[in-house]
N, C-alpha and C. Protein backbone atom coordinates (compact mmCIF):
# COMPACT_ATOMS: atom_id res chain seq x y z
N UNK A 1 -54.80 40.54 -48.46
CA UNK A 1 -54.66 39.57 -47.39
C UNK A 1 -53.29 38.89 -47.44
N UNK A 2 -52.85 38.54 -48.66
CA UNK A 2 -51.55 37.87 -48.78
C UNK A 2 -50.41 38.80 -48.41
N UNK A 3 -50.55 40.10 -48.71
CA UNK A 3 -49.50 41.04 -48.31
C UNK A 3 -49.45 41.21 -46.80
N UNK A 4 -50.59 41.14 -46.16
CA UNK A 4 -50.63 41.21 -44.70
C UNK A 4 -49.94 40.00 -44.09
N UNK A 5 -50.22 38.82 -44.66
CA UNK A 5 -49.56 37.60 -44.18
C UNK A 5 -48.06 37.66 -44.43
N UNK A 6 -47.68 38.20 -45.57
CA UNK A 6 -46.26 38.32 -45.89
C UNK A 6 -45.57 39.26 -44.90
N UNK A 7 -46.24 40.37 -44.56
CA UNK A 7 -45.67 41.31 -43.59
C UNK A 7 -45.57 40.67 -42.21
N UNK A 8 -46.60 39.94 -41.80
CA UNK A 8 -46.57 39.25 -40.51
C UNK A 8 -45.44 38.21 -40.48
N UNK A 9 -45.29 37.50 -41.57
CA UNK A 9 -44.22 36.49 -41.67
C UNK A 9 -42.84 37.16 -41.54
N UNK A 10 -42.68 38.32 -42.21
CA UNK A 10 -41.42 39.06 -42.15
C UNK A 10 -41.14 39.55 -40.72
N UNK A 11 -42.17 40.05 -40.03
CA UNK A 11 -42.01 40.51 -38.65
C UNK A 11 -41.60 39.34 -37.76
N UNK A 12 -42.24 38.19 -37.95
CA UNK A 12 -41.91 37.01 -37.15
C UNK A 12 -40.46 36.60 -37.39
N UNK A 13 -40.02 36.63 -38.65
CA UNK A 13 -38.65 36.28 -39.00
C UNK A 13 -37.65 37.24 -38.34
N UNK A 14 -37.98 38.54 -38.37
CA UNK A 14 -37.10 39.55 -37.76
C UNK A 14 -37.00 39.35 -36.25
N UNK A 15 -38.11 39.02 -35.61
CA UNK A 15 -38.10 38.77 -34.17
C UNK A 15 -37.24 37.55 -33.84
N UNK A 16 -37.36 36.52 -34.67
CA UNK A 16 -36.59 35.31 -34.45
C UNK A 16 -35.09 35.60 -34.60
N UNK A 17 -34.74 36.41 -35.60
CA UNK A 17 -33.34 36.74 -35.82
C UNK A 17 -32.80 37.57 -34.65
N UNK A 18 -33.58 38.50 -34.13
CA UNK A 18 -33.09 39.30 -33.02
C UNK A 18 -32.94 38.45 -31.76
N UNK A 19 -33.76 37.43 -31.58
CA UNK A 19 -33.63 36.51 -30.45
C UNK A 19 -32.33 35.73 -30.59
N UNK A 20 -32.03 35.25 -31.78
CA UNK A 20 -30.77 34.54 -32.02
C UNK A 20 -29.57 35.46 -31.77
N UNK A 21 -29.70 36.72 -32.17
CA UNK A 21 -28.63 37.69 -31.96
C UNK A 21 -28.40 37.90 -30.47
N UNK A 22 -29.48 38.03 -29.72
CA UNK A 22 -29.36 38.21 -28.26
C UNK A 22 -28.72 36.99 -27.61
N UNK A 23 -29.11 35.81 -28.02
CA UNK A 23 -28.53 34.59 -27.45
C UNK A 23 -27.04 34.50 -27.76
N UNK A 24 -26.68 34.83 -28.99
CA UNK A 24 -25.28 34.81 -29.39
C UNK A 24 -24.47 35.82 -28.58
N UNK A 25 -25.03 37.00 -28.40
CA UNK A 25 -24.36 38.04 -27.63
C UNK A 25 -24.18 37.62 -26.17
N UNK A 26 -25.17 36.99 -25.58
CA UNK A 26 -25.08 36.52 -24.20
C UNK A 26 -24.01 35.44 -24.07
N UNK A 27 -23.98 34.49 -24.98
CA UNK A 27 -22.98 33.41 -24.93
C UNK A 27 -21.58 33.98 -25.13
N UNK A 28 -21.41 34.88 -26.08
CA UNK A 28 -20.09 35.49 -26.33
C UNK A 28 -19.62 36.28 -25.11
N UNK A 29 -20.53 37.02 -24.50
CA UNK A 29 -20.18 37.79 -23.29
C UNK A 29 -19.77 36.86 -22.16
N UNK A 30 -20.47 35.76 -21.99
CA UNK A 30 -20.13 34.80 -20.93
C UNK A 30 -18.74 34.21 -21.16
N UNK A 31 -18.40 33.91 -22.41
CA UNK A 31 -17.08 33.36 -22.73
C UNK A 31 -15.99 34.38 -22.41
N UNK A 32 -16.20 35.63 -22.80
CA UNK A 32 -15.21 36.69 -22.53
C UNK A 32 -15.03 36.87 -21.02
N UNK A 33 -16.12 36.91 -20.27
CA UNK A 33 -16.04 37.06 -18.82
C UNK A 33 -15.28 35.89 -18.20
N UNK A 34 -15.53 34.68 -18.68
CA UNK A 34 -14.84 33.49 -18.16
C UNK A 34 -13.33 33.58 -18.41
N UNK A 35 -12.94 33.97 -19.61
CA UNK A 35 -11.52 34.06 -19.95
C UNK A 35 -10.83 35.13 -19.11
N UNK A 36 -11.47 36.29 -18.95
CA UNK A 36 -10.89 37.35 -18.14
C UNK A 36 -10.76 36.91 -16.69
N UNK A 37 -11.79 36.27 -16.16
CA UNK A 37 -11.76 35.80 -14.76
C UNK A 37 -10.65 34.77 -14.57
N UNK A 38 -10.49 33.85 -15.51
CA UNK A 38 -9.43 32.85 -15.41
C UNK A 38 -8.05 33.49 -15.46
N UNK A 39 -7.88 34.50 -16.30
CA UNK A 39 -6.59 35.18 -16.40
C UNK A 39 -6.26 35.90 -15.10
N UNK A 40 -7.25 36.56 -14.51
CA UNK A 40 -7.02 37.24 -13.24
C UNK A 40 -6.71 36.24 -12.14
N UNK A 41 -7.43 35.13 -12.12
CA UNK A 41 -7.21 34.10 -11.11
C UNK A 41 -5.81 33.51 -11.24
N UNK A 42 -5.37 33.30 -12.47
CA UNK A 42 -4.09 32.63 -12.72
C UNK A 42 -2.89 33.49 -12.38
N UNK A 43 -3.06 34.80 -12.26
CA UNK A 43 -1.91 35.65 -11.98
C UNK A 43 -1.73 35.95 -10.50
N UNK A 44 -2.47 35.28 -9.64
CA UNK A 44 -2.30 35.49 -8.21
C UNK A 44 -0.95 34.96 -7.76
N UNK A 45 -0.41 35.58 -6.71
CA UNK A 45 0.92 35.22 -6.22
C UNK A 45 0.96 33.78 -5.73
N UNK A 46 -0.09 33.30 -5.08
CA UNK A 46 -0.06 31.95 -4.53
C UNK A 46 -0.35 30.88 -5.59
N UNK A 47 -0.47 31.28 -6.82
CA UNK A 47 -0.73 30.33 -7.90
C UNK A 47 0.57 30.09 -8.67
N UNK A 48 1.58 29.61 -7.95
CA UNK A 48 2.90 29.40 -8.52
C UNK A 48 3.28 27.92 -8.47
N UNK A 49 4.21 27.57 -9.33
CA UNK A 49 4.73 26.20 -9.36
C UNK A 49 6.24 26.27 -9.19
N UNK A 50 6.76 25.36 -8.37
CA UNK A 50 8.21 25.30 -8.14
C UNK A 50 8.74 24.01 -8.75
N UNK A 51 9.80 24.13 -9.55
CA UNK A 51 10.41 22.97 -10.19
C UNK A 51 11.92 23.00 -9.96
N UNK A 52 12.54 21.84 -10.08
CA UNK A 52 14.00 21.73 -10.05
C UNK A 52 14.44 21.18 -11.40
N UNK A 53 15.45 21.79 -11.98
CA UNK A 53 15.93 21.34 -13.28
C UNK A 53 17.35 21.85 -13.52
N UNK A 54 17.99 21.23 -14.49
CA UNK A 54 19.34 21.64 -14.90
C UNK A 54 19.21 22.71 -15.99
N UNK A 55 19.95 23.78 -15.84
CA UNK A 55 19.91 24.87 -16.82
C UNK A 55 20.74 24.49 -18.04
N UNK A 56 20.13 24.58 -19.21
CA UNK A 56 20.83 24.32 -20.46
C UNK A 56 21.53 25.59 -20.93
N UNK A 57 20.80 26.70 -20.91
CA UNK A 57 21.39 27.98 -21.28
C UNK A 57 20.52 29.14 -20.81
N UNK A 58 21.11 30.31 -20.79
CA UNK A 58 20.39 31.55 -20.49
C UNK A 58 20.64 32.46 -21.69
N UNK A 59 19.56 32.99 -22.26
CA UNK A 59 19.72 33.82 -23.46
C UNK A 59 18.77 35.01 -23.39
N UNK A 60 18.92 35.89 -24.37
CA UNK A 60 18.03 37.05 -24.46
C UNK A 60 16.90 36.73 -25.42
N UNK A 61 15.67 36.98 -24.98
CA UNK A 61 14.50 36.73 -25.81
C UNK A 61 14.26 37.88 -26.78
N UNK A 62 13.23 37.72 -27.60
CA UNK A 62 12.91 38.70 -28.63
C UNK A 62 12.57 40.08 -28.11
N UNK A 63 12.00 40.17 -26.92
CA UNK A 63 11.65 41.47 -26.35
C UNK A 63 12.64 41.90 -25.27
N UNK A 64 13.86 41.40 -25.38
CA UNK A 64 14.93 41.66 -24.42
C UNK A 64 14.63 41.09 -23.04
N UNK A 65 13.75 40.09 -22.99
CA UNK A 65 13.53 39.34 -21.77
C UNK A 65 14.70 38.38 -21.59
N UNK A 66 14.88 37.89 -20.37
CA UNK A 66 15.90 36.87 -20.11
C UNK A 66 15.20 35.52 -20.14
N UNK A 67 15.65 34.63 -21.02
CA UNK A 67 15.02 33.32 -21.19
C UNK A 67 15.95 32.25 -20.62
N UNK A 68 15.38 31.39 -19.77
CA UNK A 68 16.15 30.32 -19.14
C UNK A 68 15.70 28.99 -19.74
N UNK A 69 16.62 28.30 -20.42
CA UNK A 69 16.33 26.99 -21.01
C UNK A 69 16.62 25.90 -20.00
N UNK A 70 15.65 25.00 -19.79
CA UNK A 70 15.80 23.94 -18.80
C UNK A 70 15.79 22.57 -19.47
N UNK A 71 16.66 21.69 -19.00
CA UNK A 71 16.79 20.35 -19.57
C UNK A 71 15.55 19.52 -19.23
N UNK A 72 14.92 18.97 -20.26
CA UNK A 72 13.80 18.05 -20.09
C UNK A 72 12.49 18.71 -19.71
N UNK A 73 12.43 20.03 -19.70
CA UNK A 73 11.18 20.72 -19.34
C UNK A 73 10.76 21.60 -20.50
N UNK A 74 9.57 21.32 -21.00
CA UNK A 74 9.02 22.04 -22.14
C UNK A 74 8.51 23.41 -21.70
N UNK A 75 8.57 24.37 -22.58
CA UNK A 75 8.04 25.70 -22.30
C UNK A 75 9.13 26.75 -22.30
N UNK A 76 8.70 27.99 -22.32
CA UNK A 76 9.62 29.12 -22.29
C UNK A 76 9.52 29.75 -20.91
N UNK A 77 10.62 29.73 -20.18
CA UNK A 77 10.68 30.32 -18.85
C UNK A 77 11.45 31.63 -18.98
N UNK A 78 10.83 32.74 -18.57
CA UNK A 78 11.47 34.04 -18.82
C UNK A 78 11.33 34.99 -17.64
N UNK A 79 12.27 35.93 -17.59
CA UNK A 79 12.20 37.06 -16.67
C UNK A 79 11.88 38.27 -17.54
N UNK A 80 10.81 38.96 -17.22
CA UNK A 80 10.40 40.11 -18.01
C UNK A 80 11.47 41.20 -17.98
N UNK A 81 11.68 41.85 -19.13
CA UNK A 81 12.72 42.89 -19.20
C UNK A 81 12.46 44.01 -18.21
N UNK A 82 11.20 44.22 -17.83
CA UNK A 82 10.89 45.28 -16.88
C UNK A 82 11.27 44.90 -15.45
N UNK A 83 11.60 43.61 -15.23
CA UNK A 83 11.92 43.13 -13.89
C UNK A 83 13.33 42.57 -13.77
N UNK A 84 14.20 42.82 -14.72
CA UNK A 84 15.52 42.19 -14.69
C UNK A 84 16.41 42.69 -13.55
N UNK A 85 16.14 43.86 -13.03
CA UNK A 85 16.85 44.40 -11.86
C UNK A 85 18.37 44.34 -12.01
N UNK A 86 18.84 44.72 -13.17
CA UNK A 86 20.29 44.77 -13.38
C UNK A 86 20.94 43.44 -13.73
N UNK A 87 20.16 42.38 -13.88
CA UNK A 87 20.74 41.08 -14.25
C UNK A 87 21.27 41.14 -15.68
N UNK A 88 22.39 40.54 -15.92
CA UNK A 88 22.98 40.48 -17.26
C UNK A 88 22.92 39.05 -17.76
N UNK A 89 22.52 38.89 -19.01
CA UNK A 89 22.35 37.58 -19.62
C UNK A 89 23.64 36.77 -19.57
N UNK A 90 24.76 37.37 -19.98
CA UNK A 90 26.02 36.61 -20.02
C UNK A 90 26.47 36.18 -18.63
N UNK A 91 26.28 37.02 -17.62
CA UNK A 91 26.66 36.66 -16.25
C UNK A 91 25.77 35.54 -15.72
N UNK A 92 24.47 35.62 -16.00
CA UNK A 92 23.55 34.56 -15.57
C UNK A 92 23.88 33.25 -16.27
N UNK A 93 24.19 33.31 -17.55
CA UNK A 93 24.54 32.10 -18.30
C UNK A 93 25.78 31.44 -17.70
N UNK A 94 26.77 32.26 -17.38
CA UNK A 94 28.00 31.76 -16.78
C UNK A 94 27.73 31.14 -15.40
N UNK A 95 26.87 31.78 -14.62
CA UNK A 95 26.58 31.33 -13.26
C UNK A 95 25.70 30.07 -13.22
N UNK A 96 24.71 29.99 -14.14
CA UNK A 96 23.69 28.94 -14.03
C UNK A 96 23.85 27.76 -14.99
N UNK A 97 24.58 27.92 -16.09
CA UNK A 97 24.68 26.85 -17.08
C UNK A 97 25.19 25.55 -16.47
N UNK A 98 24.50 24.46 -16.83
CA UNK A 98 24.83 23.10 -16.37
C UNK A 98 24.71 22.91 -14.86
N UNK A 99 23.94 23.78 -14.21
CA UNK A 99 23.73 23.65 -12.77
C UNK A 99 22.26 23.38 -12.48
N UNK A 100 22.02 22.65 -11.41
CA UNK A 100 20.67 22.33 -10.96
C UNK A 100 20.14 23.54 -10.17
N UNK A 101 18.98 24.04 -10.57
CA UNK A 101 18.38 25.18 -9.87
C UNK A 101 16.95 24.84 -9.44
N UNK A 102 16.45 25.61 -8.51
CA UNK A 102 15.02 25.59 -8.17
C UNK A 102 14.43 26.85 -8.78
N UNK A 103 13.40 26.66 -9.59
CA UNK A 103 12.79 27.77 -10.30
C UNK A 103 11.31 27.81 -9.94
N UNK A 104 10.82 28.98 -9.59
CA UNK A 104 9.40 29.16 -9.30
C UNK A 104 8.83 30.05 -10.39
N UNK A 105 7.70 29.63 -10.97
CA UNK A 105 7.07 30.43 -12.02
C UNK A 105 5.58 30.56 -11.76
N UNK A 106 5.02 31.62 -12.31
CA UNK A 106 3.58 31.85 -12.21
C UNK A 106 2.90 30.98 -13.25
N UNK A 107 1.89 30.25 -12.83
CA UNK A 107 1.18 29.38 -13.77
C UNK A 107 0.53 30.22 -14.87
N UNK A 108 0.59 29.73 -16.10
CA UNK A 108 0.01 30.49 -17.21
C UNK A 108 -1.51 30.54 -17.13
N UNK A 109 -2.07 31.61 -17.72
CA UNK A 109 -3.52 31.76 -17.76
C UNK A 109 -4.14 30.84 -18.79
N UNK A 110 -5.46 30.90 -18.88
CA UNK A 110 -6.20 30.00 -19.78
C UNK A 110 -5.85 30.25 -21.24
N UNK A 111 -5.56 31.48 -21.61
CA UNK A 111 -5.23 31.76 -23.00
C UNK A 111 -3.98 31.00 -23.40
N UNK A 112 -2.99 30.97 -22.52
CA UNK A 112 -1.76 30.22 -22.80
C UNK A 112 -2.02 28.72 -22.83
N UNK A 113 -2.96 28.25 -22.00
CA UNK A 113 -3.24 26.82 -21.94
C UNK A 113 -3.89 26.30 -23.22
N UNK A 114 -4.72 27.14 -23.86
CA UNK A 114 -5.40 26.67 -25.07
C UNK A 114 -4.64 27.04 -26.34
N UNK A 115 -3.54 27.75 -26.19
CA UNK A 115 -2.73 28.15 -27.33
C UNK A 115 -2.03 26.93 -27.93
N UNK A 116 -1.96 26.84 -29.26
CA UNK A 116 -1.30 25.69 -29.87
C UNK A 116 0.22 25.74 -29.74
N UNK A 117 0.77 26.88 -29.37
CA UNK A 117 2.22 27.01 -29.24
C UNK A 117 2.72 26.55 -27.89
N UNK A 118 3.97 26.84 -27.63
CA UNK A 118 4.60 26.47 -26.37
C UNK A 118 4.14 27.40 -25.26
N UNK A 119 3.97 26.84 -24.07
CA UNK A 119 3.59 27.66 -22.93
C UNK A 119 4.72 28.60 -22.55
N UNK A 120 4.37 29.82 -22.19
CA UNK A 120 5.34 30.76 -21.65
C UNK A 120 5.07 30.91 -20.17
N UNK A 121 6.13 30.89 -19.39
CA UNK A 121 5.99 30.93 -17.93
C UNK A 121 6.86 32.04 -17.38
N UNK A 122 6.25 32.95 -16.65
CA UNK A 122 6.95 34.07 -16.04
C UNK A 122 7.64 33.62 -14.77
N UNK A 123 8.95 33.75 -14.72
CA UNK A 123 9.74 33.32 -13.56
C UNK A 123 9.54 34.31 -12.42
N UNK A 124 9.25 33.78 -11.23
CA UNK A 124 9.14 34.65 -10.06
C UNK A 124 10.33 34.50 -9.11
N UNK A 125 11.04 33.36 -9.20
CA UNK A 125 12.23 33.20 -8.35
C UNK A 125 13.16 32.12 -8.91
N UNK A 126 14.47 32.36 -8.78
CA UNK A 126 15.49 31.37 -9.14
C UNK A 126 16.40 31.20 -7.92
N UNK A 127 16.57 29.93 -7.52
CA UNK A 127 17.46 29.61 -6.41
C UNK A 127 18.56 28.69 -6.90
N UNK A 128 19.77 28.96 -6.47
CA UNK A 128 20.92 28.10 -6.75
C UNK A 128 21.49 27.71 -5.40
N UNK A 129 21.28 26.46 -5.02
CA UNK A 129 21.67 26.03 -3.67
C UNK A 129 20.84 26.79 -2.64
N UNK A 130 21.50 27.44 -1.70
CA UNK A 130 20.81 28.22 -0.67
C UNK A 130 20.67 29.69 -1.05
N UNK A 131 21.19 30.08 -2.20
CA UNK A 131 21.17 31.48 -2.62
C UNK A 131 19.99 31.77 -3.55
N UNK A 132 19.37 32.91 -3.33
CA UNK A 132 18.32 33.38 -4.25
C UNK A 132 19.01 34.27 -5.27
N UNK A 133 19.03 33.82 -6.51
CA UNK A 133 19.68 34.55 -7.60
C UNK A 133 18.78 35.66 -8.11
N UNK A 134 17.49 35.38 -8.18
CA UNK A 134 16.51 36.35 -8.67
C UNK A 134 15.20 36.14 -7.94
N UNK A 135 14.55 37.23 -7.57
CA UNK A 135 13.22 37.18 -6.99
C UNK A 135 12.41 38.35 -7.54
N UNK A 136 11.27 38.05 -8.09
CA UNK A 136 10.40 39.07 -8.69
C UNK A 136 9.86 40.02 -7.63
N UNK A 137 9.66 39.52 -6.42
CA UNK A 137 9.01 40.32 -5.38
C UNK A 137 9.95 41.31 -4.70
N UNK A 138 11.25 41.11 -4.80
CA UNK A 138 12.18 42.04 -4.12
C UNK A 138 12.51 43.23 -4.97
């Protein structure tokens, strides 16, 4: 009789553990779906921010991206190396340094928002006066 009770107790314990496993799996799946959905939402074209700032410097980033440093604005603003369209870092630095520009960037996704590091922002357009210096869409 006691072995039967022990077996029943073990079966009950196993069922309880599998229920906890299922709940954990459902919650983890929901979190992953939420993060993916937020990332897709954040990369839409109309989800951009336009700022005006003085350029401190233009340099080459670690992955050969073009990085634009802005006075008083936190974050890394970059042009992806796959989209540089013949732009040269030294020419951009000469053209933009110490000048006020209008810069449009794509808002970062949720992963970047919760990251403890500095936000990285993909530049979609740079304007100097009435001239468009760079546009991601062209």
